[in-house]
Amino acid sequence: MRHPRNSSSIILHLKILLSLAIMAIVTSCVPPAASGEAYSPLVTVASPVEPHSPLATTTLQPTPLPTPTPTCNPPWPTPPSEACPWLPSPAPTPTSSISSPTPFEPPSPPARTPTPLPLPEAANSARGTMYFAEFSAPGIPPEGPKLLYAPTDERGQLLGVPLPFTWTPLGDARMSVGRPGISPDGAYLTSVYDTLEGDSVIIVDLLTAQQTAFLSGGRLFNWHPNGHEFLFAAHEIGDDPGLWLVEASTGEHRLLAQPAKSGYVSIFGAAFSPDGQVLVYCAGSIWMANADGSEPRRVVDSAAAVFDWSPDGRYLLYGEYRHGGSKSGTPPPLPHLWLMNREGQSERSLNLSWESGITAVEHQQPIWSPTGRYIAHSSPLDPGFSYWQEKGEDHRDDPFYAFKNAGVYVEDVETGEMWLAARNALDPTWSPDGSMLAVAKMDEDEQVDIWVVNVDDRSLRRITDTPELDRYPIWLCSQ
């Protein structure tokens, strides 16, 4: 009976050993509990996940370094553009030394002349009417300036005693005689006198002897070939500064050009071509534009002064400083007068010199003969003379000072021949046919009268003889 009992005991021991093995296997498959935490076999443990922030950036890839540009050092004379094709093409540089002008579009410009105006023609003889101003001379009882006139014959001789020309002023103004000027058609007279603010200009209708307008604070230039408008540079001390086109019958104006400059408007001369198509003016440089001031372009980029066009409209006459002053104290040579064509090209120097002191203070400008063959101009007798250096401001108190140092010269534009027409003379003006030249000349007794030069034989004749200063002759053709 011992055998069965032993069998049961063996079976019991086997069951115990089997239970212990199963528990060991289960325990090895469960992760240990964290320190201090009770482990529950019902809790599912997920795989650990890294925390994610919406502001976190993704991992950046390294930026590749730029490829270095190889050095271009080709052997001479191989150009870099051929040896190194990777080089950028250089930007082209302008070849002109003249900068592009800033276009000025005048306010409400007048309509452009649809067809060219007819060119002026020289008269057939010297017959006409001469006007001139008469001023008191030192030592003579002072009288108010007078404007005189008298008809002339074919020889340029005055027919009869000159008579005074008077006009009716505007409002409470008084008649004031200064430097006289006449419109191209002889319809209007201008009387200009100097003030601290510039020119004061009286405009008079010659037919009615009635003043029509008055301007001041600027500079009067040339007339429009239509005969009823003229150019006036208004200083910046007034309204609407710039270059004006003024209607002679009313004084109303249109603005043609307005240089951007502080202080006074620096306009040194302006003129219309004889056909009325081209306007030229000097504002630091010489500019050409349409007659209404539009589409300006610079043609000379240096200090200059514009005077006038030839009667046929082919050439512009101007003065220009081509050389600077001397540092050695020796006065530089006087600048010369120049010509250019209406395209602003083909510049040519004349033999006539240009002294800006006489031009500015004594109001001397070169003038074309009616035929366009000759130019007459007042210039210093001494080529090294400087009007500004000799006597300073005191020369303004001496009415004979300019006469003592200047003469009227004439140059043949075709041949270049230049000759002294009258010594100690100023104020040249041509006869209507261009055969004679009238000047204001001082004689050896310091008496200033009107003289006439014959161009053909270069003879000189006195046509007025008074103790007063006879100046600024104007010679009109017979109507």
Foldseek 3Di string as FASTA:
>chain_A
DVVVVVVVVVVVVVVVVVVVVVVVVVVVVDDDDPVPDDDDPVDDDDDDDDDDDPPDDDDDDDDDDDDDDDDQDDDPPDDSVVVPVVDDDDDDDDPDPDDWDDWDDFPPFDDFDPFFADFDFFDPALWFKKKWKWAFDPPGPGDAIFIWMATADRVRFGDDDTDTQAAAEPDPDDDHAAFWDAFPVRQKIWHWDADPLGIKIWIAGRVRRYTQDIDDRWYWAHAQLVRFWGWTAHFPVDPPGAIWIAGRNHRDTTHQDDDPDPGTQDKAHWEAQNRQFWIWTDRCFIWIDGSRNGDIGGLGNHDKHWHYAQSVRFKTKIWGDPDDADPVPQGDFATFIWIDGPVSDDIDTAPHGDAVVCCPPVVWDWDAFSVRQKIKTKDFPDRRDHPCPPPHPVVVVPPQVSLQGIFIKMAGPVPRDIDTLAHSWGQWDARSNRQKIWIFHQDPVRATAIWIAGPPVSDIGGNDDDNTRIHNMDRDHHD
